[in-house]
Protein backbone atom coordinates (compact mmCIF):
# COMPACT_ATOMS: atom_id res chain seq x y z
CA MET A 1 115.72 -46.71 223.11
CA ASP A 2 115.54 -45.69 219.45
CA ASN A 3 117.52 -48.20 217.39
CA ARG A 4 116.77 -46.55 214.08
CA SER A 5 119.43 -44.51 212.28
CA SER A 6 119.77 -42.63 209.03
CA PHE A 7 122.98 -41.57 207.35
CA LEU A 8 123.47 -38.47 205.24
CA VAL A 9 124.99 -38.64 201.78
CA GLN A 10 125.28 -35.29 199.98
CA ASN A 11 127.17 -33.72 197.09
CA LYS A 12 128.35 -37.06 195.71
CA LEU A 13 128.56 -38.66 192.29
CA ILE A 14 127.27 -42.22 192.75
CA THR A 15 128.16 -44.75 190.06
CA ILE A 16 126.56 -48.07 189.18
CA GLU A 17 129.81 -49.76 190.24
CA GLN A 18 129.46 -48.28 193.73
CA ILE A 19 125.89 -49.56 193.94
CA LYS A 20 127.09 -53.02 192.89
CA GLU A 21 129.84 -52.89 195.51
CA VAL A 22 127.29 -52.07 198.21
CA THR A 23 125.15 -54.97 196.99
CA GLU A 24 128.06 -57.41 197.07
CA TYR A 25 128.94 -56.32 200.61
CA LEU A 26 125.36 -56.83 201.82
CA ARG A 27 125.30 -60.21 200.06
CA LYS A 28 128.37 -61.31 202.07
CA ILE A 29 126.63 -60.34 205.33
CA LEU A 30 123.50 -62.22 204.26
CA ASN A 31 125.45 -65.35 203.29
CA HIS A 32 127.35 -65.29 206.60
CA TYR A 33 124.25 -65.27 208.79
CA ASP A 34 122.27 -67.50 206.45
CA GLY A 35 125.05 -70.09 206.75
CA LEU A 36 125.13 -69.87 210.56
CA ILE A 37 121.35 -70.20 210.83
CA LYS A 38 121.14 -73.18 208.46
CA GLN A 39 124.08 -74.95 210.07
CA GLU A 40 122.64 -74.60 213.57
CA LEU A 41 119.19 -75.70 212.40
CA GLN A 42 120.69 -78.94 211.07
CA GLU A 43 122.54 -79.51 214.35
CA LEU A 44 119.44 -78.84 216.45
CA GLN A 45 117.33 -81.17 214.34
CA GLN A 46 119.95 -83.89 214.76
CA LEU A 47 120.01 -83.38 218.53
CA GLN A 48 116.23 -83.38 218.62
CA GLU A 49 116.11 -86.73 216.84
CA ASN A 50 118.85 -88.25 218.98
CA ASN A 51 117.47 -87.05 222.31
CA ASN A 52 113.78 -87.13 221.39
CA THR A 53 113.33 -83.64 222.82
CA ASN A 54 111.71 -80.39 221.79
CA ILE A 55 114.00 -78.15 219.76
CA TYR A 56 113.20 -75.17 221.99
CA ALA A 57 114.48 -77.07 225.04
CA LEU A 58 117.95 -77.07 223.51
CA HIS A 59 120.47 -74.25 223.63
CA TYR A 60 120.69 -72.30 220.39
CA LYS A 61 122.48 -69.19 219.10
CA TYR A 62 120.95 -68.59 215.67
CA HIS A 63 117.32 -69.62 215.64
CA ALA A 64 115.36 -67.74 212.95
CA TYR A 65 111.61 -67.59 212.45
CA VAL A 66 112.16 -65.56 209.27
CA ASN A 67 114.96 -66.39 206.85
CA PRO A 68 117.53 -63.63 206.17
CA SER A 69 116.84 -61.81 202.92
CA LEU A 70 118.31 -59.32 200.49
CA GLU A 71 115.61 -57.75 198.37
CA TYR A 72 115.76 -55.45 195.37
CA TYR A 73 113.14 -53.07 194.10
CA VAL A 74 113.58 -51.23 190.79
CA GLU A 75 111.15 -48.76 189.25
CA PHE A 76 111.67 -47.77 185.62
CA THR A 77 110.84 -44.55 183.81
CA ASP A 78 108.26 -46.36 181.66
CA GLY A 79 106.33 -47.55 184.74
CA ARG A 80 107.74 -51.09 184.92
CA LYS A 81 108.61 -52.41 188.37
CA ILE A 82 110.82 -55.25 189.59
CA ASN A 83 110.66 -56.70 193.09
CA THR A 84 113.11 -59.59 193.43
CA LYS A 85 115.64 -61.41 195.61
CA ASP A 86 117.57 -62.60 192.56
CA ASP A 87 120.96 -60.92 192.12
CA TYR A 88 121.05 -61.70 188.41
CA VAL A 89 117.68 -60.02 187.79
CA PHE A 90 118.85 -56.93 189.68
CA TYR A 91 122.22 -56.76 187.91
CA ASP A 92 120.48 -57.20 184.58
CA ALA A 93 118.35 -54.13 185.35
CA LEU A 94 121.53 -52.15 186.13
CA LYS A 95 122.76 -52.74 182.57
CA GLU A 96 120.33 -50.05 181.36
CA PRO A 97 120.63 -47.31 184.00
CA GLN A 98 119.12 -44.71 181.67
CA TYR A 99 115.70 -46.33 182.19
CA ILE A 100 115.88 -46.52 186.00
CA PHE A 101 113.80 -44.02 187.95
CA LYS A 102 114.28 -45.41 191.45
CA MET A 103 115.83 -48.42 193.18
CA GLU A 104 115.90 -49.86 196.69
CA ILE A 105 118.19 -52.44 198.28
CA LYS A 106 117.10 -53.91 201.60
CA LEU A 107 118.91 -56.37 203.86
CA TYR A 108 116.99 -58.06 206.69
CA ILE A 109 118.44 -60.41 209.31
CA SER A 110 116.60 -61.65 212.40
CA TYR A 111 117.33 -64.49 214.82
CA GLU A 112 117.15 -65.40 218.52
CA ASP A 113 119.44 -67.03 221.06
CA ASN A 114 118.88 -68.53 224.51
CA GLU A 115 122.46 -68.93 225.62
CA MET A 116 121.89 -67.03 228.87
CA ASP A 117 118.78 -69.10 229.68
CA GLU A 118 116.62 -66.32 228.36
CA THR A 119 115.58 -65.46 224.84
CA THR A 120 117.42 -62.54 223.19
CA ARG A 121 116.33 -61.17 219.86
CA HIS A 122 118.82 -59.97 217.26
CA GLU A 123 117.78 -57.90 214.27
CA LEU A 124 119.49 -55.85 211.58
CA SER A 125 117.77 -54.03 208.75
CA ILE A 126 119.60 -51.87 206.19
CA SER A 127 117.72 -49.96 203.52
CA LEU A 128 119.18 -47.87 200.69
CA ILE A 129 116.92 -45.96 198.33
CA PHE A 130 118.45 -44.31 195.25
CA THR A 131 116.81 -41.72 193.02
CA GLU A 132 118.53 -39.41 190.51
CA SER A 133 119.42 -36.83 193.18
CA VAL A 134 118.69 -38.32 196.63
CA ILE A 135 120.05 -41.26 198.62
CA HIS A 136 118.10 -42.42 201.67
CA PHE A 137 120.29 -44.66 203.85
CA SER A 138 118.51 -45.95 206.98
CA THR A 139 119.02 -48.83 209.41
CA PHE A 140 117.42 -50.63 212.34
CA ASN A 141 119.52 -52.51 214.89
CA GLU A 142 118.68 -54.65 217.89
CA ASN A 143 121.53 -56.44 219.70
CA MET A 144 123.71 -56.49 216.57
CA ASN A 145 125.77 -53.42 217.39
CA GLU A 146 129.10 -54.57 215.98
CA GLU A 147 127.66 -55.74 212.66
CA HIS A 148 125.60 -52.57 212.46
CA TYR A 149 128.63 -50.36 213.09
CA ASN A 150 130.83 -52.21 210.59
CA SER A 151 128.24 -52.25 207.81
CA CYS A 152 127.26 -48.60 208.25
CA SER A 153 130.89 -47.48 208.35
CA TYR A 154 131.67 -49.40 205.18
CA ILE A 155 128.62 -48.25 203.20
CA SER A 156 128.83 -44.64 204.38
CA GLY A 157 132.55 -44.57 203.61
CA LEU A 158 131.99 -46.04 200.15
CA LEU A 159 129.23 -43.61 199.17
CA ASN A 160 130.81 -40.54 200.77
CA GLY A 161 134.29 -41.41 199.51
CA GLY A 162 133.46 -40.91 195.84
CA GLU A 163 133.85 -37.87 193.62
CA ASP A 164 132.17 -34.65 194.72
CA ARG A 165 129.26 -33.53 192.60
CA PHE A 166 130.36 -29.90 192.96
CA SER A 167 133.77 -30.61 191.44
CA GLY A 168 136.30 -28.30 189.83
CA ILE A 169 134.65 -28.27 186.39
CA ILE A 170 131.37 -27.23 188.03
CA LYS A 171 132.88 -24.68 190.39
CA LYS A 172 134.92 -23.09 187.54
CA ARG A 173 132.30 -23.74 184.86
CA PHE A 174 132.29 -20.13 183.62
CA TRP A 175 136.04 -20.14 182.92
CA VAL A 176 136.05 -23.71 181.66
CA LYS A 177 133.54 -22.79 178.97
CA ILE A 178 135.53 -19.70 177.98
CA ILE A 179 138.88 -21.55 177.82
CA ILE A 180 137.48 -24.42 175.73
CA GLY A 181 135.78 -21.94 173.42
CA LEU A 182 138.94 -19.85 173.08
CA ALA A 183 141.02 -22.94 172.31
CA ALA A 184 138.71 -24.11 169.54
CA GLY A 185 138.30 -20.58 168.21
CA SER A 186 142.07 -20.03 168.31
CA ILE A 187 142.64 -22.89 165.90
CA LEU A 188 140.12 -21.43 163.47
CA SER A 189 141.47 -17.89 163.81
CA LEU A 190 145.04 -19.08 163.24
CA ILE A 191 143.90 -20.76 160.04
CA CYS A 192 142.42 -17.42 158.99
CA PHE A 193 145.74 -15.71 159.87
CA ILE A 194 147.71 -18.15 157.72
CA ILE A 195 145.34 -17.57 154.78
CA MET A 196 145.67 -13.80 155.23
CA LEU A 197 149.44 -14.15 155.37
CA LEU A 198 149.51 -16.11 152.10
CA ILE A 199 147.38 -13.57 150.24
CA LYS A 200 148.73 -10.47 151.98
CA ASN A 201 150.61 -8.97 149.03
CA ASP A 202 147.71 -9.51 146.64
CA SER A 203 144.95 -8.55 149.02
CA SER A 204 143.15 -5.37 149.82
CA ASP A 205 144.68 -2.44 151.66
CA THR A 206 142.74 -3.45 154.79
CA ILE A 207 144.67 -6.71 155.27
CA ASN A 208 147.98 -4.95 154.54
CA MET A 209 147.07 -2.32 157.10
CA LEU A 210 146.45 -5.02 159.75
CA PHE A 211 149.88 -6.52 159.14
CA ASN A 212 151.35 -3.06 159.50
CA ASN A 213 149.63 -2.74 162.88
CA PRO A 214 150.65 -5.86 164.91
CA ILE A 215 148.69 -4.93 168.05
CA MET A 216 145.46 -4.53 166.10
CA LEU A 217 146.13 -7.79 164.23
CA VAL A 218 146.66 -9.74 167.48
CA LEU A 219 143.62 -8.20 169.15
CA LEU A 220 141.51 -9.00 166.10
CA GLY A 221 142.81 -12.59 166.24
CA TRP A 222 141.72 -13.01 169.86
CA LEU A 223 138.37 -11.40 169.11
CA MET A 224 137.84 -13.83 166.24
CA ALA A 225 138.86 -16.74 168.50
CA PHE A 226 136.30 -15.71 171.10
CA ALA A 227 133.59 -15.22 168.47
CA PHE A 228 134.29 -18.57 166.75
CA GLY A 229 134.43 -20.38 170.09
CA SER A 230 131.20 -18.84 171.38
CA THR A 231 129.17 -19.49 168.25
CA LEU A 232 130.56 -22.79 166.97
CA ILE A 233 131.71 -24.56 170.14
CA GLY A 234 129.58 -22.90 172.81
CA SER A 235 126.45 -24.92 172.05
CA ILE A 236 128.40 -28.20 172.24
CA ILE A 237 129.92 -27.34 175.65
CA ASN A 238 126.58 -26.12 176.97
CA GLY A 239 125.07 -29.40 175.82
CA LEU A 240 127.62 -31.31 177.91
CA TYR A 241 126.95 -29.08 180.90
CA ASN A 242 123.14 -29.05 180.75
CA ALA A 243 122.52 -32.19 182.82
CA LEU A 244 125.45 -31.44 185.13
CA GLU A 245 124.13 -28.00 186.01
CA ASP A 246 120.63 -29.21 186.87
CA GLY A 247 119.45 -27.03 189.77
CA LEU A 248 122.47 -24.75 189.49
CA GLU A 249 121.90 -21.23 188.23
CA ASN A 250 124.01 -18.12 187.98
CA ALA A 251 122.08 -15.60 190.01
CA TYR A 252 123.08 -11.97 189.99
CA LYS A 253 121.22 -9.53 192.15
CA GLY A 254 122.32 -5.95 192.29
CA GLY A 255 125.57 -6.93 190.56
CA THR A 256 126.52 -9.34 193.36
CA TYR A 257 126.75 -13.09 192.82
CA THR A 258 124.76 -15.11 195.32
CA GLU A 259 125.91 -18.56 196.42
CA HIS A 260 122.42 -19.77 197.25
CA TYR A 261 122.22 -21.99 194.19
CA GLU A 262 125.64 -23.52 194.79
CA ASP A 263 124.73 -24.36 198.40
CA ASN A 264 121.51 -25.96 197.21
CA TYR A 265 123.45 -27.90 194.54
CA ARG A 266 125.70 -29.43 197.21
CA MET A 267 122.71 -30.73 199.16
CA PHE A 268 121.85 -33.27 196.46
CA ASN A 269 123.66 -36.14 194.79
CA GLU A 270 124.09 -37.23 191.21
CA VAL A 271 123.21 -40.91 190.97
CA LEU A 272 124.06 -42.18 187.48
CA ILE A 273 120.57 -43.38 186.60
CA GLY A 274 117.78 -41.84 184.54
CA LYS A 275 118.82 -38.61 182.88
CA ASN A 276 122.14 -38.72 184.79
CA TYR A 277 123.22 -42.09 183.43
CA ASN A 278 126.06 -40.75 181.22
CA ASN A 279 127.04 -37.73 183.33
CA LEU A 280 130.35 -39.33 184.30
CA GLU A 281 131.35 -39.59 180.63
CA LYS A 282 130.33 -35.95 180.14
CA ARG A 283 132.44 -34.87 183.09
CA LYS A 284 135.45 -36.79 181.81
CA THR A 285 134.98 -35.29 178.34
CA ILE A 286 134.85 -31.76 179.77
CA GLU A 287 137.92 -32.39 181.95
CA LYS A 288 139.86 -33.73 178.96
CA LEU A 289 138.81 -30.83 176.73
CA TYR A 290 139.67 -28.34 179.46
CA SER A 291 143.11 -29.87 180.01
CA ILE A 292 143.90 -29.76 176.28
CA SER A 293 142.37 -26.30 175.85
CA LYS A 294 144.56 -24.75 178.55
CA LYS A 295 147.64 -25.90 176.62
CA VAL A 296 146.21 -24.66 173.32
CA VAL A 297 145.47 -21.21 174.80
CA LEU A 298 148.99 -20.98 176.23
CA ILE A 299 150.45 -21.91 172.84
CA ARG A 300 148.17 -19.35 171.20
CA LEU A 301 149.37 -16.71 173.65
CA LEU A 302 152.98 -17.56 172.80
CA ILE A 303 152.21 -17.37 169.07
CA SER A 304 150.58 -13.97 169.60
CA LEU A 305 153.71 -12.68 171.33
CA ILE A 306 155.90 -14.04 168.50
CA ILE A 307 153.66 -12.36 165.90
CA LEU A 308 153.90 -9.05 167.79
CA VAL A 309 157.69 -9.23 167.96
CA VAL A 310 158.24 -10.38 164.38
CA LEU A 311 155.85 -7.90 162.75
CA SER A 312 157.23 -5.08 164.90
CA LEU A 313 160.73 -5.80 163.58
CA ILE A 314 159.72 -6.01 159.92
């Protein structure tokens, strides 16, 4: 019987807080069994002394040849490595996620019982390996089915219950960039409109002609908004998107968009370490800008309609 299992985690944004939560959960399991093993060892030693008998002749439930352990391995981008069982050392490393290349958390529990007059081995091993884009979650279980089920359900639910990597701002990235650019450009173009309005009577015939042609004036305003947004704001938005779009490309073949790159994007995760360490802040910034920009564009559209009506009546 194969007692080894692996669990798939895909298309998820994994935060340092989630990794800490997994660690704290595994620590509780470790402390539980470590307490049972130590308590029984003390009781068996007392019985051994009182009865002057061999410890293995007594009945036991949690006899361990190897102490339970929770180990941490962290590899940094500069080549440094940490291999420790100390929670504080591990948590200290998590304070600088931008320098983490890879990390592993491994729980190991093993003990025996002879309650049924025969020796039964119990073993549980849980290993989680995190890189920037991949999570490897594997387990080994022998006669610890309930603990194995509970721990795997909790960890899998925690990691798979987070935010999708391929979220709305990624799926609609083309329109998000346009809307944010238009919003920023609209503010600049409206400033230009106000200046033109103030100097209209003293300006050249070209500006007077635009005010005499409301449709052309409005179209020119939107064109200016798009141009300002693309040139002045576009590079900033693309800078926010660069790390988020890693592995995601717009592929056009024969005029038809292919979803191959989006499918491939969903296969991987975005663990907030290494170059991904501040991606959550970037996503929140984009979402906030997009939310504000949609309102700005709607207001700009309303202003354009007002300008059309007013200038048409003058």
